[in-house]
Amino acid sequence: MGDWVSCSVGANFTPHIITVNSGEYTPLYTPLETKDKEKNLSSGWISTSQIMEEEGRFEAEVTEVQAWWNSERFKLTRRPYSARDVVAL
């Protein structure tokens, strides 16, 4: 299997493991990957307000998908996953 992994897509990926102990504070920073990259490049991080804005967009999309699924077209459809699971993909 080692030979297969070494020639697979992503074989050069190095995982970054962060250990967070129970009760430990972890700031809500994520690497910058937005359209405002140049604007915020100096900090390299997304601000708390940007995170809250993204969470708001996420929740709005979850609501939209759930409303679509609640339509007459899908009334007999049963899914083993939630709208939140789908939007998170």
C-alpha atoms as a PDB file:
ATOM      1  CA  MET A   1       0.000   0.000   0.000  1.00  0.00           C
ATOM      2  CA  GLY A   2       2.926   2.340   0.634  1.00  0.00           C
ATOM      3  CA  ASP A   3       3.781   2.330  -3.074  1.00  0.00           C
ATOM      4  CA  TRP A   4       0.190   3.170  -3.937  1.00  0.00           C
ATOM      5  CA  VAL A   5       0.068   6.076  -1.486  1.00  0.00           C
ATOM      6  CA  SER A   6       3.361   7.547  -2.652  1.00  0.00           C
ATOM      7  CA  CYS A   7       2.058   7.910  -6.206  1.00  0.00           C
ATOM      8  CA  SER A   8      -1.524   8.928  -5.336  1.00  0.00           C
ATOM      9  CA  VAL A   9      -2.967  12.383  -5.702  1.00  0.00           C
ATOM     10  CA  GLY A  10      -2.223  14.327  -2.538  1.00  0.00           C
ATOM     11  CA  ALA A  11       0.565  12.007  -1.440  1.00  0.00           C
ATOM     12  CA  ASN A  12       2.733  15.037  -0.675  1.00  0.00           C
ATOM     13  CA  PHE A  13       0.124  16.464   1.680  1.00  0.00           C
ATOM     14  CA  THR A  14       1.431  17.091   5.182  1.00  0.00           C
ATOM     15  CA  PRO A  15      -1.376  17.119   7.763  1.00  0.00           C
ATOM     16  CA  HIS A  16      -1.287  19.761  10.464  1.00  0.00           C
ATOM     17  CA  ILE A  17      -2.403  18.406  13.809  1.00  0.00           C
ATOM     18  CA  ILE A  18      -3.448  20.813  16.530  1.00  0.00           C
ATOM     19  CA  THR A  19      -4.143  19.469  19.994  1.00  0.00           C
ATOM     20  CA  VAL A  20      -6.790  21.324  21.981  1.00  0.00           C
ATOM     21  CA  ASN A  21      -7.208  20.294  25.586  1.00  0.00           C
ATOM     22  CA  SER A  22     -10.598  20.307  27.282  1.00  0.00           C
ATOM     23  CA  GLY A  23     -11.454  23.826  28.449  1.00  0.00           C
ATOM     24  CA  GLU A  24      -8.612  25.416  26.486  1.00  0.00           C
ATOM     25  CA  TYR A  25      -9.343  28.724  24.748  1.00  0.00           C
ATOM     26  CA  THR A  26      -9.078  28.614  20.969  1.00  0.00           C
ATOM     27  CA  PRO A  27      -9.494  31.895  19.052  1.00  0.00           C
ATOM     28  CA  LEU A  28     -11.839  31.918  16.080  1.00  0.00           C
ATOM     29  CA  TYR A  29      -9.219  32.579  13.433  1.00  0.00           C
ATOM     30  CA  THR A  30      -9.025  30.822  10.101  1.00  0.00           C
ATOM     31  CA  PRO A  31      -6.637  31.389   7.210  1.00  0.00           C
ATOM     32  CA  LEU A  32      -7.834  34.099   4.892  1.00  0.00           C
ATOM     33  CA  GLU A  33      -9.652  32.715   1.862  1.00  0.00           C
ATOM     34  CA  THR A  34     -12.038  35.461   0.799  1.00  0.00           C
ATOM     35  CA  LYS A  35     -12.431  37.886  -2.085  1.00  0.00           C
ATOM     36  CA  ASP A  36     -11.011  40.565   0.242  1.00  0.00           C
ATOM     37  CA  LYS A  37      -7.649  38.779   0.299  1.00  0.00           C
ATOM     38  CA  GLU A  38      -5.628  41.816  -0.835  1.00  0.00           C
ATOM     39  CA  LYS A  39      -7.486  44.063   1.607  1.00  0.00           C
ATOM     40  CA  ASN A  40      -6.702  41.837   4.598  1.00  0.00           C
ATOM     41  CA  LEU A  41      -3.420  40.370   3.416  1.00  0.00           C
ATOM     42  CA  SER A  42      -1.446  42.253   6.015  1.00  0.00           C
ATOM     43  CA  SER A  43      -3.171  40.440   8.860  1.00  0.00           C
ATOM     44  CA  GLY A  44      -3.545  37.107   7.068  1.00  0.00           C
ATOM     45  CA  TRP A  45      -6.545  36.253   9.240  1.00  0.00           C
ATOM     46  CA  ILE A  46     -10.292  36.761   9.063  1.00  0.00           C
ATOM     47  CA  SER A  47     -11.794  39.029  11.692  1.00  0.00           C
ATOM     48  CA  THR A  48     -14.537  37.931  14.061  1.00  0.00           C
ATOM     49  CA  SER A  49     -17.069  40.070  12.169  1.00  0.00           C
ATOM     50  CA  GLN A  50     -16.167  38.294   8.912  1.00  0.00           C
ATOM     51  CA  ILE A  51     -16.643  34.933  10.614  1.00  0.00           C
ATOM     52  CA  MET A  52     -20.042  36.014  11.932  1.00  0.00           C
ATOM     53  CA  GLU A  53     -21.000  37.228   8.454  1.00  0.00           C
ATOM     54  CA  GLU A  54     -20.009  33.883   6.953  1.00  0.00           C
ATOM     55  CA  GLU A  55     -21.973  32.028   9.644  1.00  0.00           C
ATOM     56  CA  GLY A  56     -25.003  34.184   8.774  1.00  0.00           C
ATOM     57  CA  ARG A  57     -24.687  33.284   5.090  1.00  0.00           C
ATOM     58  CA  PHE A  58     -24.333  29.623   6.050  1.00  0.00           C
ATOM     59  CA  GLU A  59     -27.489  29.698   8.186  1.00  0.00           C
ATOM     60  CA  ALA A  60     -29.397  31.490   5.398  1.00  0.00           C
ATOM     61  CA  GLU A  61     -28.360  28.806   2.913  1.00  0.00           C
ATOM     62  CA  VAL A  62     -29.391  26.046   5.345  1.00  0.00           C
ATOM     63  CA  THR A  63     -32.815  27.697   5.652  1.00  0.00           C
ATOM     64  CA  GLU A  64     -33.087  27.970   1.863  1.00  0.00           C
ATOM     65  CA  VAL A  65     -32.221  24.302   1.290  1.00  0.00           C
ATOM     66  CA  GLN A  66     -34.627  23.199   4.029  1.00  0.00           C
ATOM     67  CA  ALA A  67     -37.432  25.291   2.499  1.00  0.00           C
ATOM     68  CA  TRP A  68     -36.746  23.719  -0.896  1.00  0.00           C
ATOM     69  CA  TRP A  69     -36.826  20.239   0.606  1.00  0.00           C
ATOM     70  CA  ASN A  70     -40.139  21.063   2.326  1.00  0.00           C
ATOM     71  CA  SER A  71     -41.740  21.818  -1.051  1.00  0.00           C
ATOM     72  CA  GLU A  72     -44.441  19.563  -2.525  1.00  0.00           C
ATOM     73  CA  ARG A  73     -41.929  18.052  -4.939  1.00  0.00           C
ATOM     74  CA  PHE A  74     -39.980  16.368  -2.133  1.00  0.00           C
ATOM     75  CA  LYS A  75     -42.785  15.614   0.331  1.00  0.00           C
ATOM     76  CA  LEU A  76     -42.189  11.831   0.157  1.00  0.00           C
ATOM     77  CA  THR A  77     -38.389  12.017   0.113  1.00  0.00           C
ATOM     78  CA  ARG A  78     -36.591  10.847   3.268  1.00  0.00           C
ATOM     79  CA  ARG A  79     -32.967  11.724   3.728  1.00  0.00           C
ATOM     80  CA  PRO A  80     -30.471  10.294   6.225  1.00  0.00           C
ATOM     81  CA  TYR A  81     -28.744  13.691   6.315  1.00  0.00           C
ATOM     82  CA  SER A  82     -29.797  17.239   7.124  1.00  0.00           C
ATOM     83  CA  ALA A  83     -29.818  20.437   5.102  1.00  0.00           C
ATOM     84  CA  ARG A  84     -26.994  21.617   7.369  1.00  0.00           C
ATOM     85  CA  ASP A  85     -24.922  18.565   6.372  1.00  0.00           C
ATOM     86  CA  VAL A  86     -25.443  19.325   2.678  1.00  0.00           C
ATOM     87  CA  VAL A  87     -24.622  23.031   2.967  1.00  0.00           C
ATOM     88  CA  ALA A  88     -21.481  22.215   4.952  1.00  0.00           C
ATOM     89  CA  LEU A  89     -20.142  20.229   2.001  1.00  0.00           C
END
